[in-house]
Amino acid sequence: MDGHKIESIMDLVARIVGISILITLLVYVYPRFYSSLLEAPDYSLIDEFKGGKTIGFRYAYVGAWMLTISQVYVFLKYFIKLSRIRVRLAKWLDIHCILNTTGFTLVIIHSGFPYSFRYWEPFTRVNVFKGLEGLIGIRGLLTWILLLAFTSGFLSRYGSNLKLKKITNRVHFYSILAVYALACIHILLSLMFPETK
């Protein structure tokens, strides 16, 4: 088995594991999402759109599902590559990009970026000596890596320089894996410590 094939299989397995954990957490979060639908939001406050507030929580939930569903394109690409079927994936890539752009926008609004982005410098908010609650600063790191993943994906899709596309494709691949891991940690911490500011 050549190195490229092993890397493709590792990529596929990592995505399946990451998406499975993310879906499990999103399903587990459903009661909290449902209760946020019953709450009356205060539309007069900008803060209402950030995490922990009614609209912000809705944005995060819907945005996370959009980002997760957009990965259907990746699995189709692997399936077609492994089965050697000749299918044009351009339309699926467009759907992937639309879902990612919309989901990304909702999640970024949820994070408060750039207005009142509380965790803009995440490393001072991460304190491993405080146990799990000390990892709350991962929220900021997740936002920055999500921005990196979106930007690298955009450049990979719409860039014209082939060398730059190759580099941004690698950055996009690794930043997406980091987004899966950090998103799972963030959702888990949000469930365990919902009132932590």
Protein backbone atom coordinates (compact mmCIF):
# COMPACT_ATOMS: atom_id res chain seq x y z
CA MET A 1 0.00 0.00 0.00
CA ASP A 2 1.51 3.35 -1.01
CA GLY A 3 1.84 6.34 1.34
CA HIS A 4 -0.90 8.35 -0.37
CA LYS A 5 -3.43 5.54 0.04
CA ILE A 6 -2.55 5.09 3.73
CA GLU A 7 -2.90 8.84 4.26
CA SER A 8 -6.32 8.80 2.55
CA ILE A 9 -7.51 5.95 4.76
CA MET A 10 -6.21 7.71 7.89
CA ASP A 11 -7.97 10.90 6.79
CA LEU A 12 -11.23 9.03 6.28
CA VAL A 13 -11.01 7.25 9.65
CA ALA A 14 -10.16 10.52 11.46
CA ARG A 15 -13.13 12.26 9.85
CA ILE A 16 -15.50 9.41 10.68
CA VAL A 17 -14.40 9.39 14.32
CA GLY A 18 -14.54 13.19 14.62
CA ILE A 19 -17.93 13.50 12.96
CA SER A 20 -19.35 10.57 14.97
CA ILE A 21 -18.34 12.18 18.25
CA LEU A 22 -19.62 15.57 17.09
CA ILE A 23 -22.99 14.12 16.04
CA THR A 24 -23.29 12.29 19.36
CA LEU A 25 -22.65 15.51 21.25
CA LEU A 26 -25.05 17.50 19.05
CA VAL A 27 -27.77 14.91 19.66
CA TYR A 28 -27.01 15.05 23.38
CA VAL A 29 -27.29 18.86 23.26
CA TYR A 30 -30.74 18.63 21.64
CA PRO A 31 -32.74 19.13 24.88
CA ARG A 32 -30.77 22.30 25.59
CA PHE A 33 -31.37 23.48 22.01
CA TYR A 34 -35.07 22.70 22.31
CA SER A 35 -35.33 24.66 25.57
CA SER A 36 -33.56 27.61 23.88
CA LEU A 37 -36.30 27.56 21.22
CA LEU A 38 -38.89 28.04 23.96
CA GLU A 39 -37.08 31.00 25.50
CA ALA A 40 -37.97 34.47 24.28
CA PRO A 41 -34.80 36.18 23.05
CA ASP A 42 -34.07 39.82 23.80
CA TYR A 43 -33.49 41.23 20.31
CA SER A 44 -32.36 44.58 21.67
CA LEU A 45 -29.04 43.24 22.95
CA ILE A 46 -26.02 42.42 20.79
CA ASP A 47 -24.99 39.94 23.49
CA GLU A 48 -28.04 37.82 22.69
CA PHE A 49 -26.27 36.56 19.54
CA LYS A 50 -23.25 35.22 21.42
CA GLY A 51 -22.77 31.83 23.01
CA GLY A 52 -24.75 31.04 26.13
CA LYS A 53 -27.64 33.27 25.06
CA THR A 54 -30.82 32.16 23.31
CA ILE A 55 -30.12 33.25 19.72
CA GLY A 56 -26.39 32.53 20.01
CA PHE A 57 -27.06 28.99 21.11
CA ARG A 58 -29.47 28.47 18.19
CA TYR A 59 -26.86 29.81 15.77
CA ALA A 60 -24.20 27.50 17.17
CA TYR A 61 -26.43 24.44 17.00
CA VAL A 62 -27.67 25.02 13.46
CA GLY A 63 -24.20 26.11 12.28
CA ALA A 64 -22.57 22.99 13.77
CA TRP A 65 -25.09 20.77 11.98
CA MET A 66 -24.45 22.58 8.68
CA LEU A 67 -20.69 22.11 9.06
CA THR A 68 -21.23 18.43 9.90
CA ILE A 69 -23.65 17.76 7.02
CA SER A 70 -21.25 19.47 4.60
CA GLN A 71 -18.87 16.56 5.13
CA VAL A 72 -21.10 14.35 2.96
CA TYR A 73 -19.06 15.71 0.05
CA VAL A 74 -15.83 14.39 1.59
CA PHE A 75 -17.28 10.91 2.05
CA LEU A 76 -18.66 10.91 -1.50
CA LYS A 77 -15.23 11.89 -2.78
CA TYR A 78 -13.61 8.98 -0.94
CA PHE A 79 -16.32 6.54 -2.01
CA ILE A 80 -15.96 7.54 -5.67
CA LYS A 81 -12.16 7.38 -5.47
CA LEU A 82 -12.20 3.91 -3.87
CA SER A 83 -14.91 2.49 -6.15
CA ARG A 84 -13.36 4.09 -9.27
CA ILE A 85 -16.73 5.40 -10.44
CA ARG A 86 -16.54 8.37 -12.79
CA VAL A 87 -18.78 11.04 -11.33
CA ARG A 88 -18.43 14.81 -11.40
CA LEU A 89 -18.42 16.19 -7.90
CA ALA A 90 -18.57 19.89 -8.81
CA LYS A 91 -22.20 20.32 -7.68
CA TRP A 92 -21.49 18.47 -4.41
CA LEU A 93 -18.46 20.70 -3.85
CA ASP A 94 -20.67 23.77 -4.35
CA ILE A 95 -23.17 22.42 -1.78
CA HIS A 96 -20.24 21.67 0.56
CA CYS A 97 -19.00 25.27 0.19
CA ILE A 98 -22.46 26.81 0.72
CA LEU A 99 -23.13 24.73 3.85
CA ASN A 100 -19.66 25.50 5.22
CA THR A 101 -19.94 29.23 4.55
CA THR A 102 -23.37 29.47 6.16
CA GLY A 103 -22.47 27.23 9.11
CA PHE A 104 -19.17 29.06 9.59
CA THR A 105 -20.97 32.43 9.66
CA LEU A 106 -23.47 31.24 12.27
CA VAL A 107 -20.75 29.75 14.48
CA ILE A 108 -18.57 32.88 14.18
CA ILE A 109 -21.51 35.07 15.22
CA HIS A 110 -22.06 32.68 18.14
CA SER A 111 -18.42 33.13 19.20
CA GLY A 112 -18.85 36.91 19.33
CA PHE A 113 -16.18 37.40 16.68
CA PRO A 114 -15.08 40.15 16.16
CA TYR A 115 -17.44 42.12 18.45
CA SER A 116 -16.80 41.36 22.11
CA PHE A 117 -14.79 38.24 21.26
CA ARG A 118 -14.12 37.23 24.89
CA TYR A 119 -11.65 34.45 24.13
CA TRP A 120 -9.59 36.20 21.46
CA GLU A 121 -6.37 35.17 23.26
CA PRO A 122 -7.15 31.62 24.34
CA PHE A 123 -3.90 30.57 25.93
CA THR A 124 -4.24 32.75 29.05
CA ARG A 125 -7.71 31.20 29.56
CA VAL A 126 -6.41 27.63 29.46
CA ASN A 127 -5.30 26.39 32.87
CA VAL A 128 -4.72 22.63 32.99
CA PHE A 129 -4.34 22.79 36.80
CA LYS A 130 -8.04 23.69 37.14
CA GLY A 131 -9.14 20.41 35.59
CA LEU A 132 -11.71 20.34 32.82
CA GLU A 133 -13.09 23.77 33.71
CA GLY A 134 -9.61 25.17 33.09
CA LEU A 135 -9.96 24.25 29.41
CA ILE A 136 -12.75 26.77 28.78
CA GLY A 137 -10.26 28.94 26.85
CA ILE A 138 -10.34 26.32 24.11
CA ARG A 139 -13.36 28.26 22.85
CA GLY A 140 -11.07 31.00 21.55
CA LEU A 141 -8.61 28.56 20.06
CA LEU A 142 -11.50 26.81 18.29
CA THR A 143 -12.64 30.12 16.80
CA TRP A 144 -9.18 30.94 15.44
CA ILE A 145 -8.71 27.46 14.00
CA LEU A 146 -12.20 27.62 12.46
CA LEU A 147 -11.18 30.90 10.80
CA LEU A 148 -8.01 29.19 9.54
CA ALA A 149 -9.99 26.21 8.23
CA PHE A 150 -12.49 28.45 6.44
CA THR A 151 -9.82 30.69 4.91
CA SER A 152 -7.65 27.78 3.77
CA GLY A 153 -10.69 26.00 2.33
CA PHE A 154 -11.72 29.14 0.47
CA LEU A 155 -8.21 29.62 -0.94
CA SER A 156 -8.00 25.93 -1.82
CA ARG A 157 -11.30 26.11 -3.72
CA TYR A 158 -11.05 29.53 -5.37
CA GLY A 159 -7.31 30.22 -5.50
CA SER A 160 -5.62 30.28 -8.89
CA ASN A 161 -2.02 29.49 -7.94
CA LEU A 162 -1.52 25.69 -7.96
CA LYS A 163 1.37 25.78 -5.48
CA LEU A 164 -0.69 27.90 -3.08
CA LYS A 165 -3.67 25.56 -3.56
CA LYS A 166 -1.54 22.57 -2.59
CA ILE A 167 -0.35 24.32 0.59
CA THR A 168 -3.80 25.60 1.56
CA ASN A 169 -5.28 22.16 0.93
CA ARG A 170 -2.87 20.66 3.53
CA VAL A 171 -3.57 23.47 5.99
CA HIS A 172 -7.30 22.96 5.44
CA PHE A 173 -7.01 19.22 6.06
CA TYR A 174 -5.17 19.56 9.38
CA SER A 175 -7.16 22.55 10.61
CA ILE A 176 -10.44 20.66 9.99
CA LEU A 177 -9.19 17.75 12.11
CA ALA A 178 -8.29 20.23 14.86
CA VAL A 179 -11.75 21.83 14.55
CA TYR A 180 -13.42 18.42 15.08
CA ALA A 181 -11.37 17.73 18.20
CA LEU A 182 -11.76 21.22 19.70
CA ALA A 183 -15.47 21.41 18.83
CA CYS A 184 -16.09 18.14 20.68
CA ILE A 185 -14.19 19.44 23.71
CA HIS A 186 -16.02 22.79 23.55
CA ILE A 187 -19.47 21.19 23.38
CA LEU A 188 -18.61 18.78 26.18
CA LEU A 189 -17.33 21.61 28.39
CA SER A 190 -20.41 23.71 27.55
CA LEU A 191 -22.60 20.86 28.72
CA MET A 192 -20.60 20.29 31.90
CA PHE A 193 -20.11 23.97 32.80
CA PRO A 194 -23.00 25.85 31.13
CA GLU A 195 -22.69 28.91 33.35
CA THR A 196 -18.91 29.42 32.96
CA LYS A 197 -18.26 32.84 31.46
